[in-house]
Protein backbone atom coordinates (compact mmCIF):
# COMPACT_ATOMS: atom_id res chain seq x y z
CA MET A 1 146.34 127.58 114.56
CA TYR A 2 143.40 125.23 114.26
CA VAL A 3 139.87 126.63 115.20
CA ASN A 4 137.09 124.03 115.97
CA HIS A 5 133.97 124.54 113.79
CA SER A 6 131.04 121.78 114.52
CA TYR A 7 128.61 121.50 111.70
CA THR A 8 126.24 120.75 114.51
CA ASN A 9 122.52 119.54 113.23
CA ALA A 10 123.70 116.66 110.87
CA VAL A 11 126.57 115.55 113.70
CA ALA A 12 124.15 115.79 116.93
CA ASN A 13 124.65 112.01 118.08
CA ALA A 14 128.18 111.89 116.39
CA PRO A 15 131.62 112.30 118.21
CA PHE A 16 131.83 116.20 118.32
CA ALA A 17 133.69 116.89 114.96
CA HIS A 18 136.74 119.39 114.82
CA PHE A 19 137.26 121.67 111.53
CA ASP A 20 140.49 123.56 111.20
CA GLU A 21 139.89 127.44 110.12
CA ASP A 22 139.29 126.34 106.45
CA GLY A 23 136.56 124.09 106.55
CA PHE A 24 138.97 120.83 106.67
CA LEU A 25 137.80 118.05 108.75
CA MET A 26 141.41 117.45 111.23
CA ASN A 27 140.25 113.81 111.98
CA PRO A 28 139.13 112.01 108.58
CA ASP A 29 138.10 108.97 111.06
CA LEU A 30 134.73 111.22 111.94
CA TRP A 31 133.62 111.76 109.23
CA THR A 32 129.68 110.23 108.59
CA ARG A 33 127.81 110.74 105.32
CA GLU A 34 125.55 112.85 106.93
CA MET A 35 128.11 115.11 107.80
CA ALA A 36 128.90 115.54 104.11
CA THR A 37 125.73 115.81 103.15
CA GLN A 38 125.67 119.26 106.17
CA VAL A 39 129.52 120.41 104.74
CA ALA A 40 127.57 120.32 100.84
CA GLU A 41 124.70 121.66 101.72
CA GLN A 42 126.69 124.35 103.24
CA ALA A 43 128.77 124.56 100.19
CA GLU A 44 125.06 125.37 98.12
CA LEU A 45 126.40 122.23 96.68
CA GLY A 46 123.24 120.78 96.23
CA SER A 47 121.82 117.47 97.14
CA LEU A 48 124.58 114.55 97.19
CA SER A 49 123.66 112.41 93.94
CA GLN A 50 125.34 108.62 93.15
CA ALA A 51 127.77 110.20 90.80
CA HIS A 52 128.86 112.34 94.42
CA TRP A 53 129.17 109.61 96.42
CA ASN A 54 131.38 107.84 93.65
CA ILE A 55 133.97 109.94 93.75
CA ILE A 56 133.42 111.35 97.75
CA ARG A 57 134.07 107.11 98.23
CA PHE A 58 136.94 106.93 95.40
CA VAL A 59 138.77 109.91 96.79
CA ARG A 60 138.39 109.03 100.38
CA ASP A 61 139.85 105.27 99.84
CA LYS A 62 142.38 106.42 98.01
CA TYR A 63 143.62 109.37 100.40
CA LEU A 64 143.44 106.63 103.66
CA GLY A 65 144.90 104.17 101.44
CA LEU A 66 147.85 106.01 100.02
CA GLY A 67 147.55 109.82 101.62
CA ALA A 68 147.20 111.61 98.84
CA ILE A 69 144.33 112.28 96.75
CA PRO A 70 144.15 110.52 93.21
CA PRO A 71 144.62 113.64 90.77
CA MET A 72 141.98 114.55 88.73
CA ARG A 73 142.31 112.87 85.63
CA ARG A 74 142.52 109.01 87.27
CA ILE A 75 139.37 110.48 89.04
CA CYS A 76 137.80 111.62 85.54
CA ARG A 77 139.25 108.06 83.64
CA GLU A 78 137.86 105.93 86.76
CA PHE A 79 134.22 107.32 86.07
CA GLY A 80 134.41 108.48 82.50
CA TYR A 81 133.86 111.89 83.58
CA GLU A 82 134.77 114.92 81.85
CA ARG A 83 136.91 117.37 84.37
CA ASP A 84 133.81 119.94 83.77
CA ALA A 85 131.68 117.77 84.98
CA VAL A 86 133.68 117.15 88.19
CA LYS A 87 133.85 120.34 88.74
CA GLY A 88 129.91 121.11 88.17
CA LEU A 89 129.49 118.18 90.92
CA PHE A 90 131.46 119.61 93.63
CA GLY A 91 133.53 123.33 92.06
CA GLY A 92 136.72 122.22 92.54
CA CYS A 93 139.35 119.96 93.64
CA LYS A 94 139.26 121.73 97.50
CA GLN A 95 135.43 121.75 97.61
CA LEU A 96 135.52 117.73 96.78
CA TRP A 97 138.31 117.77 99.74
CA LYS A 98 136.37 118.74 102.43
CA VAL A 99 133.04 116.92 101.57
CA ALA A 100 134.84 113.95 101.68
CA GLY A 101 136.50 114.28 105.17
CA LEU A 102 139.85 114.91 104.44
CA PRO A 103 142.42 117.23 106.75
CA ASN A 104 143.75 120.04 105.60
CA PRO A 105 146.64 119.61 102.75
CA GLY A 106 148.64 122.25 103.31
CA GLU A 107 148.98 125.65 101.43
CA GLU A 108 150.90 124.62 98.31
CA ALA A 109 148.47 121.46 97.47
CA LYS A 110 145.29 124.12 98.17
CA ALA A 111 146.83 126.80 95.82
CA TYR A 112 146.83 123.97 93.00
CA MET A 113 143.35 122.60 94.42
CA ASP A 114 141.05 125.40 92.68
C-alpha cells in the first residue's frame, strides 16, 4: 500500500510529490534539487556538498538510463572515494536512493542497502 507523503516546504511551487510509506519518491520525474535538499535535511545529513551532488547526479543518470543503481564500488571508483566516505556522506545506500529521488527498489534490494 502506498501512502502519500509530501516534503512541502521545498516543493511548494512544484507538482505534489508522492512518496511511499518508506519515504521513496514514487515518480523520479518529479524530483528536484530543492526536494533533495529537504529530504537530506529531514534525514539529518546536513547541507549537500558538491561531493553529494556529484554522486546524486551519477546515481540518477545510471538509474534513469539503466533502470538500476550502480554498485557502490562503481560509485567509489568513479569519484575516487573509499566506501566509508560515501557512506559518511549519505549514511548508506538507502538514504542516497531517497535523496536522489529514486523509487522504492523493493524489499530484497532494500535489505542490501544498509
